Amino acid sequence: MRATGGKVFLFASSLPVCGVGALKPRDDIKPGSENESSLFRPQSPFYTKLAETCVDKRITVDLFLFAQSQFDVATVGEVQPTHILLR
């Protein structure tokens, strides 16, 4: 895909907890607390860098998240490169 671009469909049913893009659950931060605003910021720069790479290689990513518990969309959502194109 690096040479020609393409599309990735990402289906996830749980938070990525192993590998290079592993994330930690943020269940300890409750809505209405002082730290609530941190829930809206990415935990890790990994997915932002992945999105930048995808944009450079003309690869689009569609996310389909099917979680029954907390899912860190603020971090994983960074992989959709459309927000980088609009900056």
C-alpha atoms as a PDB file:
ATOM      1  CA  MET A   1       0.000   0.000   0.000  1.00  0.00           C
ATOM      2  CA  ARG A   2       2.906   2.387   0.473  1.00  0.00           C
ATOM      3  CA  ALA A   3       3.404   2.735  -3.266  1.00  0.00           C
ATOM      4  CA  THR A   4      -0.221   3.003  -4.361  1.00  0.00           C
ATOM      5  CA  GLY A   5      -2.223   4.170  -1.340  1.00  0.00           C
ATOM      6  CA  GLY A   6      -5.364   2.401  -0.228  1.00  0.00           C
ATOM      7  CA  LYS A   7      -7.984   1.945   2.430  1.00  0.00           C
ATOM      8  CA  VAL A   8      -7.873   0.173   5.807  1.00  0.00           C
ATOM      9  CA  PHE A   9     -10.979  -1.007   7.627  1.00  0.00           C
ATOM     10  CA  LEU A  10     -10.218  -1.303  11.340  1.00  0.00           C
ATOM     11  CA  PHE A  11     -12.699  -3.311  13.425  1.00  0.00           C
ATOM     12  CA  ALA A  12     -12.094  -3.328  17.189  1.00  0.00           C
ATOM     13  CA  SER A  13     -14.097  -4.745  20.066  1.00  0.00           C
ATOM     14  CA  SER A  14     -11.747  -3.854  22.896  1.00  0.00           C
ATOM     15  CA  LEU A  15      -9.048  -1.410  23.833  1.00  0.00           C
ATOM     16  CA  PRO A  16      -5.653  -2.315  22.286  1.00  0.00           C
ATOM     17  CA  VAL A  17      -3.689  -3.553  25.321  1.00  0.00           C
ATOM     18  CA  CYS A  18      -0.622  -5.177  23.748  1.00  0.00           C
ATOM     19  CA  GLY A  19       1.884  -4.337  21.041  1.00  0.00           C
ATOM     20  CA  VAL A  20       3.228  -0.987  19.921  1.00  0.00           C
ATOM     21  CA  GLY A  21      -0.141   0.787  20.110  1.00  0.00           C
ATOM     22  CA  ALA A  22      -1.089  -0.557  23.540  1.00  0.00           C
ATOM     23  CA  LEU A  23      -3.241   1.703  25.700  1.00  0.00           C
ATOM     24  CA  LYS A  24      -4.166   1.685  29.373  1.00  0.00           C
ATOM     25  CA  PRO A  25      -7.796   1.922  30.480  1.00  0.00           C
ATOM     26  CA  ARG A  26      -8.667   5.349  31.856  1.00  0.00           C
ATOM     27  CA  ASP A  27     -11.464   4.160  34.124  1.00  0.00           C
ATOM     28  CA  ASP A  28      -9.940   5.955  37.125  1.00  0.00           C
ATOM     29  CA  ILE A  29     -10.897   9.365  35.695  1.00  0.00           C
ATOM     30  CA  LYS A  30     -14.524  10.144  36.479  1.00  0.00           C
ATOM     31  CA  PRO A  31     -16.705  12.618  34.573  1.00  0.00           C
ATOM     32  CA  GLY A  32     -16.947  15.899  36.455  1.00  0.00           C
ATOM     33  CA  SER A  33     -13.546  15.501  38.127  1.00  0.00           C
ATOM     34  CA  GLU A  34     -10.596  17.883  37.739  1.00  0.00           C
ATOM     35  CA  ASN A  35      -8.873  15.456  35.372  1.00  0.00           C
ATOM     36  CA  GLU A  36     -11.887  15.005  33.094  1.00  0.00           C
ATOM     37  CA  SER A  37     -10.342  17.136  30.326  1.00  0.00           C
ATOM     38  CA  SER A  38      -7.521  14.588  29.974  1.00  0.00           C
ATOM     39  CA  LEU A  39     -10.082  12.121  28.596  1.00  0.00           C
ATOM     40  CA  PHE A  40     -10.335  14.302  25.487  1.00  0.00           C
ATOM     41  CA  ARG A  41      -6.580  14.238  24.789  1.00  0.00           C
ATOM     42  CA  PRO A  42      -4.693  11.280  23.285  1.00  0.00           C
ATOM     43  CA  GLN A  43      -2.735   9.096  25.733  1.00  0.00           C
ATOM     44  CA  SER A  44       0.004   8.346  23.262  1.00  0.00           C
ATOM     45  CA  PRO A  45       1.457   9.948  20.130  1.00  0.00           C
ATOM     46  CA  PHE A  46       1.534   6.540  18.380  1.00  0.00           C
ATOM     47  CA  TYR A  47      -1.831   6.897  16.629  1.00  0.00           C
ATOM     48  CA  THR A  48      -1.170  10.508  15.605  1.00  0.00           C
ATOM     49  CA  LYS A  49       2.132   9.466  14.010  1.00  0.00           C
ATOM     50  CA  LEU A  50       0.399   6.522  12.328  1.00  0.00           C
ATOM     51  CA  ALA A  51      -2.192   8.917  10.886  1.00  0.00           C
ATOM     52  CA  GLU A  52       0.538  11.210   9.559  1.00  0.00           C
ATOM     53  CA  THR A  53       2.201   8.227   7.886  1.00  0.00           C
ATOM     54  CA  CYS A  54      -1.128   7.191   6.367  1.00  0.00           C
ATOM     55  CA  VAL A  55      -1.643  10.686   4.949  1.00  0.00           C
ATOM     56  CA  ASP A  56       1.854  10.690   3.441  1.00  0.00           C
ATOM     57  CA  LYS A  57       1.191   7.294   1.805  1.00  0.00           C
ATOM     58  CA  ARG A  58      -2.385   8.151   0.673  1.00  0.00           C
ATOM     59  CA  ILE A  59      -3.973   5.542   2.943  1.00  0.00           C
ATOM     60  CA  THR A  60      -7.374   6.152   4.503  1.00  0.00           C
ATOM     61  CA  VAL A  61      -8.613   4.440   7.664  1.00  0.00           C
ATOM     62  CA  ASP A  62     -12.205   3.675   8.604  1.00  0.00           C
ATOM     63  CA  LEU A  63     -12.768   2.823  12.271  1.00  0.00           C
ATOM     64  CA  PHE A  64     -15.553   0.537  13.467  1.00  0.00           C
ATOM     65  CA  LEU A  65     -15.542   0.328  17.272  1.00  0.00           C
ATOM     66  CA  PHE A  66     -17.756  -2.223  19.031  1.00  0.00           C
ATOM     67  CA  ALA A  67     -16.819  -1.946  22.688  1.00  0.00           C
ATOM     68  CA  GLN A  68     -18.948  -2.945  25.652  1.00  0.00           C
ATOM     69  CA  SER A  69     -16.760  -0.974  28.024  1.00  0.00           C
ATOM     70  CA  GLN A  70     -14.731   2.233  27.933  1.00  0.00           C
ATOM     71  CA  PHE A  71     -12.865   2.742  24.643  1.00  0.00           C
ATOM     72  CA  ASP A  72     -10.270   5.488  24.268  1.00  0.00           C
ATOM     73  CA  VAL A  73     -11.656   7.101  21.130  1.00  0.00           C
ATOM     74  CA  ALA A  74      -9.648  10.274  21.834  1.00  0.00           C
ATOM     75  CA  THR A  75      -6.466   8.284  21.193  1.00  0.00           C
ATOM     76  CA  VAL A  76      -7.484   5.627  18.658  1.00  0.00           C
ATOM     77  CA  GLY A  77      -9.547   8.164  16.702  1.00  0.00           C
ATOM     78  CA  GLU A  78      -6.327  10.001  15.856  1.00  0.00           C
ATOM     79  CA  VAL A  79      -5.617   7.298  13.263  1.00  0.00           C
ATOM     80  CA  GLN A  80      -8.278   8.730  10.981  1.00  0.00           C
ATOM     81  CA  PRO A  81      -6.147  11.134   8.976  1.00  0.00           C
ATOM     82  CA  THR A  82      -8.986  13.435   7.904  1.00  0.00           C
ATOM     83  CA  HIS A  83      -8.364  15.725  10.872  1.00  0.00           C
ATOM     84  CA  ILE A  84      -4.762  16.193   9.754  1.00  0.00           C
ATOM     85  CA  LEU A  85      -5.864  17.220   6.252  1.00  0.00           C
ATOM     86  CA  LEU A  86      -8.189  19.852   7.687  1.00  0.00           C
ATOM     87  CA  ARG A  87      -5.594  21.543   9.900  1.00  0.00           C
END
